[in-house]
Amino acid sequence: MLETLLGSLRGKTLLIRHPAWQQRADRVLDKLERHQNLLILGFRFLYGVR
């Protein structure tokens, strides 16, 4: 939860301060966007999460 809060509040500032992280963040967001249906289904049927 702390990571989510940190990312939403200070994400752009951290990426400006650490430009190498920008490339990694772009790759992760691209993969999440391309595979969003699999991600949703995967979390939907994970044992013990519901």
PDB file of N, CA and C in Angstrom:
ATOM      1  N   MET A   1       0.821  -1.186   0.000  1.00  0.00           N
ATOM      2  CA  MET A   1       0.000   0.000   0.000  1.00  0.00           C
ATOM      3  C   MET A   1       0.872   1.261   0.000  1.00  0.00           C
ATOM      4  N   LEU A   2       1.963   1.200   0.714  1.00  0.00           N
ATOM      5  CA  LEU A   2       2.855   2.354   0.773  1.00  0.00           C
ATOM      6  C   LEU A   2       3.407   2.681  -0.607  1.00  0.00           C
ATOM      7  N   GLU A   3       3.725   1.620  -1.388  1.00  0.00           N
ATOM      8  CA  GLU A   3       4.257   1.844  -2.731  1.00  0.00           C
ATOM      9  C   GLU A   3       3.233   2.537  -3.617  1.00  0.00           C
ATOM     10  N   THR A   4       1.979   2.137  -3.496  1.00  0.00           N
ATOM     11  CA  THR A   4       0.912   2.746  -4.290  1.00  0.00           C
ATOM     12  C   THR A   4       0.754   4.214  -3.920  1.00  0.00           C
ATOM     13  N   LEU A   5       0.752   4.496  -2.650  1.00  0.00           N
ATOM     14  CA  LEU A   5       0.625   5.869  -2.189  1.00  0.00           C
ATOM     15  C   LEU A   5       1.828   6.696  -2.621  1.00  0.00           C
ATOM     16  N   LEU A   6       3.001   6.131  -2.476  1.00  0.00           N
ATOM     17  CA  LEU A   6       4.220   6.826  -2.873  1.00  0.00           C
ATOM     18  C   LEU A   6       4.218   7.109  -4.372  1.00  0.00           C
ATOM     19  N   GLY A   7       3.805   6.137  -5.164  1.00  0.00           N
ATOM     20  CA  GLY A   7       3.773   6.312  -6.611  1.00  0.00           C
ATOM     21  C   GLY A   7       2.767   7.344  -7.061  1.00  0.00           C
ATOM     22  N   SER A   8       1.612   7.353  -6.429  1.00  0.00           N
ATOM     23  CA  SER A   8       0.590   8.307  -6.854  1.00  0.00           C
ATOM     24  C   SER A   8       0.900   9.728  -6.393  1.00  0.00           C
ATOM     25  N   LEU A   9       1.585   9.861  -5.274  1.00  0.00           N
ATOM     26  CA  LEU A   9       1.892  11.195  -4.772  1.00  0.00           C
ATOM     27  C   LEU A   9       3.207  11.759  -5.313  1.00  0.00           C
ATOM     28  N   ARG A  10       4.218  10.913  -5.415  1.00  0.00           N
ATOM     29  CA  ARG A  10       5.554  11.388  -5.764  1.00  0.00           C
ATOM     30  C   ARG A  10       6.144  10.710  -6.993  1.00  0.00           C
ATOM     31  N   GLY A  11       5.324  10.024  -7.783  1.00  0.00           N
ATOM     32  CA  GLY A  11       5.821   9.248  -8.909  1.00  0.00           C
ATOM     33  C   GLY A  11       6.566  10.063  -9.943  1.00  0.00           C
ATOM     34  N   LYS A  12       5.977  11.158 -10.374  1.00  0.00           N
ATOM     35  CA  LYS A  12       6.621  11.978 -11.401  1.00  0.00           C
ATOM     36  C   LYS A  12       7.906  12.611 -10.887  1.00  0.00           C
ATOM     37  N   THR A  13       7.910  13.013  -9.639  1.00  0.00           N
ATOM     38  CA  THR A  13       9.104  13.598  -9.044  1.00  0.00           C
ATOM     39  C   THR A  13      10.235  12.571  -8.986  1.00  0.00           C
ATOM     40  N   LEU A  14       9.896  11.336  -8.607  1.00  0.00           N
ATOM     41  CA  LEU A  14      10.920  10.289  -8.551  1.00  0.00           C
ATOM     42  C   LEU A  14      11.470   9.967  -9.930  1.00  0.00           C
ATOM     43  N   LEU A  15      10.594   9.948 -10.938  1.00  0.00           N
ATOM     44  CA  LEU A  15      11.062   9.657 -12.290  1.00  0.00           C
ATOM     45  C   LEU A  15      11.928  10.783 -12.843  1.00  0.00           C
ATOM     46  N   ILE A  16      11.646  12.000 -12.465  1.00  0.00           N
ATOM     47  CA  ILE A  16      12.494  13.120 -12.890  1.00  0.00           C
ATOM     48  C   ILE A  16      13.856  13.024 -12.199  1.00  0.00           C
ATOM     49  N   ARG A  17      13.835  12.646 -10.939  1.00  0.00           N
ATOM     50  CA  ARG A  17      15.071  12.549 -10.172  1.00  0.00           C
ATOM     51  C   ARG A  17      15.930  11.352 -10.599  1.00  0.00           C
ATOM     52  N   HIS A  18      15.274  10.275 -11.058  1.00  0.00           N
ATOM     53  CA  HIS A  18      15.964   9.047 -11.478  1.00  0.00           C
ATOM     54  C   HIS A  18      15.535   8.709 -12.907  1.00  0.00           C
ATOM     55  N   PRO A  19      16.160   9.316 -13.902  1.00  0.00           N
ATOM     56  CA  PRO A  19      15.727   9.115 -15.287  1.00  0.00           C
ATOM     57  C   PRO A  19      15.853   7.675 -15.775  1.00  0.00           C
ATOM     58  N   ALA A  20      16.735   6.874 -15.199  1.00  0.00           N
ATOM     59  CA  ALA A  20      16.863   5.477 -15.625  1.00  0.00           C
ATOM     60  C   ALA A  20      15.603   4.678 -15.297  1.00  0.00           C
ATOM     61  N   TRP A  21      14.862   5.090 -14.303  1.00  0.00           N
ATOM     62  CA  TRP A  21      13.636   4.391 -13.915  1.00  0.00           C
ATOM     63  C   TRP A  21      12.524   4.617 -14.924  1.00  0.00           C
ATOM     64  N   GLN A  22      12.597   5.683 -15.687  1.00  0.00           N
ATOM     65  CA  GLN A  22      11.541   6.011 -16.647  1.00  0.00           C
ATOM     66  C   GLN A  22      11.397   4.911 -17.697  1.00  0.00           C
ATOM     67  N   GLN A  23      12.513   4.408 -18.190  1.00  0.00           N
ATOM     68  CA  GLN A  23      12.474   3.347 -19.204  1.00  0.00           C
ATOM     69  C   GLN A  23      11.827   2.088 -18.633  1.00  0.00           C
ATOM     70  N   ARG A  24      12.162   1.738 -17.416  1.00  0.00           N
ATOM     71  CA  ARG A  24      11.560   0.563 -16.777  1.00  0.00           C
ATOM     72  C   ARG A  24      10.070   0.763 -16.553  1.00  0.00           C
ATOM     73  N   ALA A  25       9.692   1.940 -16.108  1.00  0.00           N
ATOM     74  CA  ALA A  25       8.277   2.231 -15.872  1.00  0.00           C
ATOM     75  C   ALA A  25       7.489   2.152 -17.169  1.00  0.00           C
ATOM     76  N   ASP A  26       8.056   2.651 -18.253  1.00  0.00           N
ATOM     77  CA  ASP A  26       7.382   2.579 -19.550  1.00  0.00           C
ATOM     78  C   ASP A  26       7.194   1.137 -19.997  1.00  0.00           C
ATOM     79  N   ARG A  27       8.213   0.297 -19.781  1.00  0.00           N
ATOM     80  CA  ARG A  27       8.111  -1.118 -20.161  1.00  0.00           C
ATOM     81  C   ARG A  27       7.014  -1.822 -19.366  1.00  0.00           C
ATOM     82  N   VAL A  28       6.963  -1.564 -18.072  1.00  0.00           N
ATOM     83  CA  VAL A  28       5.948  -2.195 -17.228  1.00  0.00           C
ATOM     84  C   VAL A  28       4.551  -1.741 -17.635  1.00  0.00           C
ATOM     85  N   LEU A  29       4.377  -0.457 -17.855  1.00  0.00           N
ATOM     86  CA  LEU A  29       3.058   0.047 -18.255  1.00  0.00           C
ATOM     87  C   LEU A  29       2.644  -0.503 -19.612  1.00  0.00           C
ATOM     88  N   ASP A  30       3.596  -0.656 -20.526  1.00  0.00           N
ATOM     89  CA  ASP A  30       3.290  -1.234 -21.833  1.00  0.00           C
ATOM     90  C   ASP A  30       2.834  -2.679 -21.702  1.00  0.00           C
ATOM     91  N   LYS A  31       3.529  -3.463 -20.883  1.00  0.00           N
ATOM     92  CA  LYS A  31       3.145  -4.862 -20.677  1.00  0.00           C
ATOM     93  C   LYS A  31       1.788  -4.971 -19.991  1.00  0.00           C
ATOM     94  N   LEU A  32       1.536  -4.115 -19.022  1.00  0.00           N
ATOM     95  CA  LEU A  32       0.233  -4.138 -18.353  1.00  0.00           C
ATOM     96  C   LEU A  32      -0.895  -3.787 -19.319  1.00  0.00           C
ATOM     97  N   GLU A  33      -0.636  -2.841 -20.196  1.00  0.00           N
ATOM     98  CA  GLU A  33      -1.647  -2.435 -21.164  1.00  0.00           C
ATOM     99  C   GLU A  33      -1.912  -3.539 -22.183  1.00  0.00           C
ATOM    100  N   ARG A  34      -0.855  -4.206 -22.653  1.00  0.00           N
ATOM    101  CA  ARG A  34      -1.014  -5.260 -23.662  1.00  0.00           C
ATOM    102  C   ARG A  34      -1.679  -6.507 -23.098  1.00  0.00           C
ATOM    103  N   HIS A  35      -1.431  -6.812 -21.825  1.00  0.00           N
ATOM    104  CA  HIS A  35      -1.913  -8.064 -21.238  1.00  0.00           C
ATOM    105  C   HIS A  35      -2.936  -7.814 -20.134  1.00  0.00           C
ATOM    106  N   GLN A  36      -3.723  -6.778 -20.254  1.00  0.00           N
ATOM    107  CA  GLN A  36      -4.638  -6.429 -19.175  1.00  0.00           C
ATOM    108  C   GLN A  36      -5.712  -7.480 -18.948  1.00  0.00           C
ATOM    109  N   ASN A  37      -6.196  -8.126 -20.007  1.00  0.00           N
ATOM    110  CA  ASN A  37      -7.225  -9.152 -19.834  1.00  0.00           C
ATOM    111  C   ASN A  37      -6.694 -10.352 -19.062  1.00  0.00           C
ATOM    112  N   LEU A  38      -5.482 -10.790 -19.396  1.00  0.00           N
ATOM    113  CA  LEU A  38      -4.878 -11.904 -18.663  1.00  0.00           C
ATOM    114  C   LEU A  38      -4.632 -11.536 -17.202  1.00  0.00           C
ATOM    115  N   LEU A  39      -4.228 -10.322 -16.975  1.00  0.00           N
ATOM    116  CA  LEU A  39      -3.979  -9.864 -15.618  1.00  0.00           C
ATOM    117  C   LEU A  39      -5.273  -9.869 -14.797  1.00  0.00           C
ATOM    118  N   ILE A  40      -6.340  -9.370 -15.377  1.00  0.00           N
ATOM    119  CA  ILE A  40      -7.630  -9.332 -14.684  1.00  0.00           C
ATOM    120  C   ILE A  40      -8.114 -10.749 -14.382  1.00  0.00           C
ATOM    121  N   LEU A  41      -8.059 -11.626 -15.383  1.00  0.00           N
ATOM    122  CA  LEU A  41      -8.502 -13.004 -15.162  1.00  0.00           C
ATOM    123  C   LEU A  41      -7.610 -13.728 -14.168  1.00  0.00           C
ATOM    124  N   GLY A  42      -6.325 -13.473 -14.238  1.00  0.00           N
ATOM    125  CA  GLY A  42      -5.407 -14.116 -13.308  1.00  0.00           C
ATOM    126  C   GLY A  42      -5.697 -13.752 -11.869  1.00  0.00           C
ATOM    127  N   PHE A  43      -5.940 -12.497 -11.603  1.00  0.00           N
ATOM    128  CA  PHE A  43      -6.254 -12.078 -10.242  1.00  0.00           C
ATOM    129  C   PHE A  43      -7.648 -12.512  -9.825  1.00  0.00           C
ATOM    130  N   ARG A  44      -8.535 -12.629 -10.778  1.00  0.00           N
ATOM    131  CA  ARG A  44      -9.908 -13.048 -10.466  1.00  0.00           C
ATOM    132  C   ARG A  44      -9.940 -14.476  -9.944  1.00  0.00           C
ATOM    133  N   PHE A  45      -9.109 -15.332 -10.507  1.00  0.00           N
ATOM    134  CA  PHE A  45      -9.165 -16.742 -10.153  1.00  0.00           C
ATOM    135  C   PHE A  45      -8.002 -17.218  -9.298  1.00  0.00           C
ATOM    136  N   LEU A  46      -7.233 -16.312  -8.740  1.00  0.00           N
ATOM    137  CA  LEU A  46      -6.169 -16.716  -7.809  1.00  0.00           C
ATOM    138  C   LEU A  46      -6.785 -17.313  -6.553  1.00  0.00           C
ATOM    139  N   TYR A  47      -6.243 -18.424  -6.145  1.00  0.00           N
ATOM    140  CA  TYR A  47      -6.769 -19.104  -4.963  1.00  0.00           C
ATOM    141  C   TYR A  47      -6.480 -18.295  -3.703  1.00  0.00           C
ATOM    142  N   GLY A  48      -7.480 -18.083  -2.899  1.00  0.00           N
ATOM    143  CA  GLY A  48      -7.303 -17.429  -1.608  1.00  0.00           C
ATOM    144  C   GLY A  48      -7.358 -15.914  -1.643  1.00  0.00           C
ATOM    145  N   VAL A  49      -7.457 -15.303  -2.814  1.00  0.00           N
ATOM    146  CA  VAL A  49      -7.488 -13.839  -2.878  1.00  0.00           C
ATOM    147  C   VAL A  49      -8.896 -13.325  -2.605  1.00  0.00           C
ATOM    148  N   ARG A  50      -9.878 -14.067  -3.047  1.00  0.00           N
ATOM    149  CA  ARG A  50     -11.258 -13.603  -2.878  1.00  0.00           C
ATOM    150  C   ARG A  50     -11.714 -13.773  -1.482  1.00  0.00           C
TER     151      ARG A  50
END
